[in-house]
Amino acid sequence: MSKAKKISYWIFTAWLALGMTSTGIVQLIKMDDEVSRIESLGYPVYLLTLLGIWKLLGVVAILVPKFPVIKEWAYAGFFFTCTGAAFSHLNVHDSIGDIFTCLLLLALTITSYLLRPASRKTASANQ
């Protein structure tokens, strides 16, 4: 892996980790804006706890070395979370500003996944 690709991977992964950590914490502490947002989407408030925990665990999974299968699950979880959130916002006709964060985190997820080094991939992905 080239040095530039490795640096790019860590920049995108750091931004992804920061974004998922911050949104996960906001969801875990159930900030008023987040509670209002999830209720406007038609979801129960208790879902915030589950999403927050999963996001924080996913961040740990993508940052720690080894465990490539768990990393695959974390990236998949981030992908489904971001696409599900974007679709939910579209479904209730929210503005593009409300959808932007979902799409930004989705782009960071995909970019980090595609740039990850061989040591962070499963054996089948390295072939």
N, C-alpha and C. Protein backbone atom coordinates (compact mmCIF):
# COMPACT_ATOMS: atom_id res chain seq x y z
N MET A 1 0.85 -1.17 0.00
CA MET A 1 0.00 0.00 0.00
C MET A 1 0.90 1.23 0.00
N SER A 2 0.58 2.18 -0.87
CA SER A 2 1.37 3.40 -0.95
C SER A 2 1.16 4.26 0.30
N LYS A 3 2.14 5.10 0.57
CA LYS A 3 2.07 5.97 1.73
C LYS A 3 0.87 6.93 1.62
N ALA A 4 0.63 7.45 0.41
CA ALA A 4 -0.49 8.37 0.21
C ALA A 4 -1.83 7.68 0.48
N LYS A 5 -1.96 6.44 0.03
CA LYS A 5 -3.20 5.70 0.25
C LYS A 5 -3.40 5.42 1.74
N LYS A 6 -2.31 5.09 2.42
CA LYS A 6 -2.39 4.82 3.85
C LYS A 6 -2.79 6.07 4.63
N ILE A 7 -2.21 7.20 4.27
CA ILE A 7 -2.56 8.47 4.92
C ILE A 7 -4.02 8.81 4.64
N SER A 8 -4.44 8.62 3.39
CA SER A 8 -5.84 8.89 3.03
C SER A 8 -6.79 8.01 3.82
N TYR A 9 -6.43 6.73 3.95
CA TYR A 9 -7.26 5.81 4.71
C TYR A 9 -7.45 6.32 6.14
N TRP A 10 -6.36 6.71 6.78
CA TRP A 10 -6.45 7.15 8.17
C TRP A 10 -7.18 8.48 8.31
N ILE A 11 -7.05 9.36 7.35
CA ILE A 11 -7.79 10.64 7.41
C ILE A 11 -9.30 10.36 7.32
N PHE A 12 -9.70 9.58 6.32
CA PHE A 12 -11.14 9.28 6.16
C PHE A 12 -11.67 8.46 7.33
N THR A 13 -10.87 7.53 7.82
CA THR A 13 -11.30 6.69 8.93
C THR A 13 -11.41 7.50 10.21
N ALA A 14 -10.49 8.43 10.43
CA ALA A 14 -10.55 9.29 11.61
C ALA A 14 -11.81 10.16 11.58
N TRP A 15 -12.12 10.73 10.40
CA TRP A 15 -13.34 11.55 10.28
C TRP A 15 -14.59 10.70 10.48
N LEU A 16 -14.57 9.48 9.94
CA LEU A 16 -15.69 8.56 10.14
C LEU A 16 -15.85 8.24 11.63
N ALA A 17 -14.75 7.92 12.28
CA ALA A 17 -14.80 7.58 13.71
C ALA A 17 -15.29 8.77 14.53
N LEU A 18 -14.82 9.95 14.20
CA LEU A 18 -15.27 11.15 14.91
C LEU A 18 -16.77 11.38 14.70
N GLY A 19 -17.22 11.25 13.46
CA GLY A 19 -18.65 11.44 13.16
C GLY A 19 -19.54 10.42 13.84
N MET A 20 -19.13 9.17 13.80
CA MET A 20 -19.94 8.13 14.43
C MET A 20 -19.89 8.22 15.95
N THR A 21 -18.74 8.60 16.49
CA THR A 21 -18.64 8.76 17.94
C THR A 21 -19.52 9.91 18.41
N SER A 22 -19.44 11.04 17.72
CA SER A 22 -20.24 12.19 18.15
C SER A 22 -21.74 11.92 18.02
N THR A 23 -22.16 11.33 16.92
CA THR A 23 -23.59 11.04 16.78
C THR A 23 -24.02 9.94 17.74
N GLY A 24 -23.14 8.98 17.99
CA GLY A 24 -23.46 7.92 18.95
C GLY A 24 -23.65 8.46 20.36
N ILE A 25 -22.78 9.38 20.77
CA ILE A 25 -22.91 9.98 22.10
C ILE A 25 -24.19 10.80 22.20
N VAL A 26 -24.46 11.60 21.16
CA VAL A 26 -25.69 12.41 21.14
C VAL A 26 -26.91 11.50 21.27
N GLN A 27 -26.87 10.37 20.61
CA GLN A 27 -28.00 9.44 20.69
C GLN A 27 -28.08 8.78 22.07
N LEU A 28 -26.94 8.42 22.64
CA LEU A 28 -26.96 7.78 23.96
C LEU A 28 -27.46 8.70 25.06
N ILE A 29 -27.08 9.98 24.99
CA ILE A 29 -27.53 10.90 26.05
C ILE A 29 -28.90 11.50 25.74
N LYS A 30 -29.43 11.12 24.59
CA LYS A 30 -30.78 11.53 24.18
C LYS A 30 -30.97 13.05 24.25
N MET A 31 -30.10 13.76 23.54
CA MET A 31 -30.26 15.22 23.47
C MET A 31 -31.63 15.55 22.90
N ASP A 32 -32.18 16.66 23.34
CA ASP A 32 -33.55 17.05 22.95
C ASP A 32 -33.72 17.08 21.43
N ASP A 33 -32.75 17.66 20.71
CA ASP A 33 -32.86 17.73 19.24
C ASP A 33 -32.90 16.34 18.62
N GLU A 34 -32.11 15.43 19.17
CA GLU A 34 -32.07 14.06 18.63
C GLU A 34 -33.37 13.32 18.92
N VAL A 35 -33.92 13.54 20.09
CA VAL A 35 -35.21 12.92 20.43
C VAL A 35 -36.30 13.45 19.50
N SER A 36 -36.32 14.76 19.28
CA SER A 36 -37.31 15.36 18.36
C SER A 36 -37.15 14.80 16.96
N ARG A 37 -35.89 14.66 16.53
CA ARG A 37 -35.62 14.17 15.17
C ARG A 37 -36.11 12.73 15.00
N ILE A 38 -35.80 11.87 15.95
CA ILE A 38 -36.19 10.46 15.78
C ILE A 38 -37.71 10.30 15.89
N GLU A 39 -38.34 11.13 16.73
CA GLU A 39 -39.81 11.08 16.81
C GLU A 39 -40.44 11.58 15.51
N SER A 40 -39.84 12.60 14.89
CA SER A 40 -40.40 13.12 13.63
C SER A 40 -40.28 12.09 12.50
N LEU A 41 -39.32 11.18 12.64
CA LEU A 41 -39.16 10.12 11.65
C LEU A 41 -40.10 8.94 11.91
N GLY A 42 -40.75 8.96 13.08
CA GLY A 42 -41.70 7.91 13.41
C GLY A 42 -41.11 6.74 14.17
N TYR A 43 -39.90 6.90 14.71
CA TYR A 43 -39.25 5.82 15.45
C TYR A 43 -39.37 6.03 16.95
N PRO A 44 -39.35 4.96 17.73
CA PRO A 44 -39.41 5.11 19.19
C PRO A 44 -38.08 5.64 19.73
N VAL A 45 -38.15 6.37 20.82
CA VAL A 45 -36.96 7.01 21.40
C VAL A 45 -35.95 5.97 21.89
N TYR A 46 -36.42 4.81 22.33
CA TYR A 46 -35.47 3.81 22.83
C TYR A 46 -34.49 3.34 21.76
N LEU A 47 -34.82 3.54 20.49
CA LEU A 47 -33.93 3.17 19.41
C LEU A 47 -32.62 3.96 19.47
N LEU A 48 -32.66 5.16 20.04
CA LEU A 48 -31.45 5.97 20.17
C LEU A 48 -30.37 5.26 20.98
N THR A 49 -30.77 4.59 22.04
CA THR A 49 -29.81 3.86 22.88
C THR A 49 -29.13 2.76 22.07
N LEU A 50 -29.91 2.01 21.35
CA LEU A 50 -29.36 0.92 20.54
C LEU A 50 -28.42 1.45 19.46
N LEU A 51 -28.84 2.48 18.74
CA LEU A 51 -27.99 3.06 17.70
C LEU A 51 -26.70 3.63 18.28
N GLY A 52 -26.81 4.31 19.41
CA GLY A 52 -25.63 4.89 20.05
C GLY A 52 -24.62 3.83 20.44
N ILE A 53 -25.09 2.77 21.05
CA ILE A 53 -24.20 1.68 21.47
C ILE A 53 -23.55 1.03 20.25
N TRP A 54 -24.34 0.74 19.23
CA TRP A 54 -23.80 0.10 18.02
C TRP A 54 -22.76 0.99 17.35
N LYS A 55 -23.03 2.27 17.29
CA LYS A 55 -22.06 3.18 16.65
C LYS A 55 -20.74 3.19 17.41
N LEU A 56 -20.80 3.29 18.72
CA LEU A 56 -19.56 3.33 19.51
C LEU A 56 -18.80 2.01 19.40
N LEU A 57 -19.50 0.90 19.42
CA LEU A 57 -18.84 -0.39 19.23
C LEU A 57 -18.24 -0.52 17.83
N GLY A 58 -18.95 0.02 16.84
CA GLY A 58 -18.44 0.00 15.46
C GLY A 58 -17.17 0.83 15.32
N VAL A 59 -17.11 1.96 15.99
CA VAL A 59 -15.91 2.79 15.96
C VAL A 59 -14.72 2.03 16.54
N VAL A 60 -14.93 1.38 17.68
CA VAL A 60 -13.86 0.58 18.28
C VAL A 60 -13.42 -0.50 17.29
N ALA A 61 -14.38 -1.15 16.66
CA ALA A 61 -14.07 -2.25 15.73
C ALA A 61 -13.23 -1.79 14.55
N ILE A 62 -13.53 -0.61 13.99
CA ILE A 62 -12.76 -0.20 12.81
C ILE A 62 -11.40 0.39 13.19
N LEU A 63 -11.24 0.82 14.43
CA LEU A 63 -9.97 1.44 14.82
C LEU A 63 -8.95 0.47 15.38
N VAL A 64 -9.38 -0.56 16.08
CA VAL A 64 -8.41 -1.50 16.67
C VAL A 64 -7.83 -2.41 15.59
N PRO A 65 -6.57 -2.79 15.78
CA PRO A 65 -5.96 -3.70 14.79
C PRO A 65 -6.57 -5.10 14.87
N LYS A 66 -6.37 -5.83 13.81
CA LYS A 66 -6.84 -7.22 13.68
C LYS A 66 -8.36 -7.30 13.58
N PHE A 67 -8.91 -8.44 13.80
CA PHE A 67 -10.36 -8.71 13.77
C PHE A 67 -11.04 -8.24 12.48
N PRO A 68 -10.53 -8.65 11.31
CA PRO A 68 -11.10 -8.16 10.05
C PRO A 68 -12.57 -8.52 9.83
N VAL A 69 -13.02 -9.65 10.34
CA VAL A 69 -14.44 -10.01 10.16
C VAL A 69 -15.33 -9.05 10.94
N ILE A 70 -14.92 -8.69 12.14
CA ILE A 70 -15.69 -7.73 12.93
C ILE A 70 -15.70 -6.37 12.24
N LYS A 71 -14.58 -5.99 11.63
CA LYS A 71 -14.52 -4.73 10.87
C LYS A 71 -15.54 -4.75 9.72
N GLU A 72 -15.63 -5.89 9.03
CA GLU A 72 -16.60 -6.01 7.94
C GLU A 72 -18.02 -5.76 8.46
N TRP A 73 -18.34 -6.33 9.60
CA TRP A 73 -19.66 -6.14 10.21
C TRP A 73 -19.87 -4.69 10.60
N ALA A 74 -18.83 -4.06 11.14
CA ALA A 74 -18.95 -2.65 11.55
C ALA A 74 -19.20 -1.76 10.34
N TYR A 75 -18.44 -1.96 9.27
CA TYR A 75 -18.66 -1.17 8.06
C TYR A 75 -20.06 -1.41 7.50
N ALA A 76 -20.50 -2.67 7.52
CA ALA A 76 -21.85 -2.97 7.03
C ALA A 76 -22.90 -2.27 7.90
N GLY A 77 -22.70 -2.30 9.21
CA GLY A 77 -23.63 -1.62 10.12
C GLY A 77 -23.68 -0.13 9.86
N PHE A 78 -22.51 0.49 9.66
CA PHE A 78 -22.47 1.92 9.35
C PHE A 78 -23.20 2.20 8.03
N PHE A 79 -22.97 1.34 7.03
CA PHE A 79 -23.62 1.51 5.73
C PHE A 79 -25.14 1.44 5.87
N PHE A 80 -25.63 0.42 6.58
CA PHE A 80 -27.08 0.27 6.74
C PHE A 80 -27.66 1.39 7.58
N THR A 81 -26.95 1.82 8.61
CA THR A 81 -27.43 2.91 9.45
C THR A 81 -27.55 4.20 8.64
N CYS A 82 -26.52 4.51 7.86
CA CYS A 82 -26.52 5.77 7.08
C CYS A 82 -27.56 5.75 5.97
N THR A 83 -27.66 4.64 5.25
CA THR A 83 -28.65 4.58 4.18
C THR A 83 -30.06 4.56 4.75
N GLY A 84 -30.25 3.86 5.86
CA GLY A 84 -31.56 3.84 6.51
C GLY A 84 -31.97 5.22 7.01
N ALA A 85 -31.01 5.95 7.58
CA ALA A 85 -31.30 7.30 8.06
C ALA A 85 -31.63 8.24 6.90
N ALA A 86 -30.85 8.16 5.84
CA ALA A 86 -31.10 9.02 4.67
C ALA A 86 -32.47 8.72 4.08
N PHE A 87 -32.80 7.44 3.93
CA PHE A 87 -34.10 7.07 3.38
C PHE A 87 -35.24 7.54 4.29
N SER A 88 -35.04 7.41 5.60
CA SER A 88 -36.07 7.86 6.56
C SER A 88 -36.32 9.35 6.42
N HIS A 89 -35.24 10.14 6.30
CA HIS A 89 -35.39 11.59 6.12
C HIS A 89 -36.10 11.91 4.80
N LEU A 90 -35.74 11.20 3.75
CA LEU A 90 -36.40 11.40 2.46
C LEU A 90 -37.89 11.06 2.56
N ASN A 91 -38.19 10.00 3.27
CA ASN A 91 -39.56 9.53 3.39
C ASN A 91 -40.49 10.55 4.05
N VAL A 92 -39.94 11.34 4.98
CA VAL A 92 -40.78 12.35 5.65
C VAL A 92 -40.56 13.74 5.03
N HIS A 93 -39.89 13.76 3.90
CA HIS A 93 -39.68 14.99 3.13
C HIS A 93 -38.87 16.05 3.88
N ASP A 94 -37.86 15.58 4.62
CA ASP A 94 -36.94 16.52 5.28
C ASP A 94 -36.09 17.22 4.23
N SER A 95 -35.48 18.30 4.63
CA SER A 95 -34.65 19.07 3.70
C SER A 95 -33.33 18.35 3.43
N ILE A 96 -32.65 18.77 2.39
CA ILE A 96 -31.36 18.17 2.05
C ILE A 96 -30.35 18.39 3.17
N GLY A 97 -30.53 19.48 3.92
CA GLY A 97 -29.66 19.73 5.07
C GLY A 97 -29.76 18.64 6.12
N ASP A 98 -30.97 18.13 6.31
CA ASP A 98 -31.18 17.04 7.27
C ASP A 98 -30.59 15.72 6.76
N ILE A 99 -30.56 15.58 5.47
CA ILE A 99 -30.07 14.34 4.86
C ILE A 99 -28.55 14.39 4.68
N PHE A 100 -27.98 15.59 4.62
CA PHE A 100 -26.56 15.76 4.32
C PHE A 100 -25.66 14.98 5.27
N THR A 101 -25.93 15.05 6.57
CA THR A 101 -25.07 14.36 7.54
C THR A 101 -25.06 12.86 7.28
N CYS A 102 -26.22 12.30 6.98
CA CYS A 102 -26.30 10.86 6.68
C CYS A 102 -25.45 10.51 5.46
N LEU A 103 -25.57 11.35 4.43
CA LEU A 103 -24.84 11.08 3.18
C LEU A 103 -23.34 11.30 3.36
N LEU A 104 -22.95 12.28 4.18
CA LEU A 104 -21.54 12.51 4.46
C LEU A 104 -20.95 11.31 5.20
N LEU A 105 -21.63 10.84 6.23
CA LEU A 105 -21.14 9.66 6.94
C LEU A 105 -21.13 8.43 6.05
N LEU A 106 -22.08 8.33 5.15
CA LEU A 106 -22.09 7.23 4.19
C LEU A 106 -20.88 7.30 3.28
N ALA A 107 -20.57 8.48 2.77
CA ALA A 107 -19.40 8.66 1.90
C ALA A 107 -18.11 8.33 2.66
N LEU A 108 -18.01 8.76 3.90
CA LEU A 108 -16.82 8.44 4.71
C LEU A 108 -16.71 6.94 4.95
N THR A 109 -17.84 6.29 5.19
CA THR A 109 -17.85 4.84 5.40
C THR A 109 -17.35 4.11 4.16
N ILE A 110 -17.88 4.46 3.02
CA ILE A 110 -17.49 3.79 1.77
C ILE A 110 -16.02 4.06 1.45
N THR A 111 -15.59 5.28 1.61
CA THR A 111 -14.20 5.63 1.30
C THR A 111 -13.23 4.92 2.23
N SER A 112 -13.52 4.93 3.53
CA SER A 112 -12.66 4.23 4.48
C SER A 112 -12.60 2.74 4.16
N TYR A 113 -13.75 2.17 3.85
CA TYR A 113 -13.81 0.74 3.52
C TYR A 113 -12.96 0.42 2.29
N LEU A 114 -13.08 1.23 1.26
CA LEU A 114 -12.35 0.96 0.02
C LEU A 114 -10.84 1.19 0.15
N LEU A 115 -10.45 2.09 1.04
CA LEU A 115 -9.02 2.40 1.21
C LEU A 115 -8.32 1.54 2.26
N ARG A 116 -9.06 0.71 2.98
CA ARG A 116 -8.44 -0.01 4.09
C ARG A 116 -7.31 -0.91 3.62
N PRO A 117 -6.24 -1.00 4.43
CA PRO A 117 -5.09 -1.82 4.06
C PRO A 117 -5.39 -3.31 4.15
N ALA A 118 -4.56 -4.11 3.54
CA ALA A 118 -4.75 -5.56 3.51
C ALA A 118 -4.84 -6.16 4.91
N SER A 119 -4.12 -5.58 5.86
CA SER A 119 -4.14 -6.12 7.23
C SER A 119 -5.49 -5.92 7.90
N ARG A 120 -6.35 -5.10 7.33
CA ARG A 120 -7.67 -4.84 7.90
C ARG A 120 -8.79 -5.46 7.06
N LYS A 121 -8.41 -6.34 6.15
CA LYS A 121 -9.38 -7.02 5.29
C LYS A 121 -9.43 -8.50 5.65
N THR A 122 -10.55 -9.14 5.32
CA THR A 122 -10.63 -10.59 5.49
C THR A 122 -9.76 -11.25 4.43
N ALA A 123 -9.44 -12.50 4.66
CA ALA A 123 -8.58 -13.22 3.71
C ALA A 123 -9.20 -13.27 2.33
N SER A 124 -10.51 -13.45 2.23
CA SER A 124 -11.16 -13.52 0.92
C SER A 124 -11.12 -12.17 0.20
N ALA A 125 -11.12 -11.07 0.93
CA ALA A 125 -11.07 -9.74 0.31
C ALA A 125 -9.67 -9.43 -0.21
N ASN A 126 -8.66 -10.10 0.30
CA ASN A 126 -7.28 -9.86 -0.14
C ASN A 126 -6.94 -10.61 -1.42
N GLN A 127 -7.80 -11.51 -1.84
CA GLN A 127 -7.47 -12.31 -3.03
C GLN A 127 -7.87 -11.60 -4.30
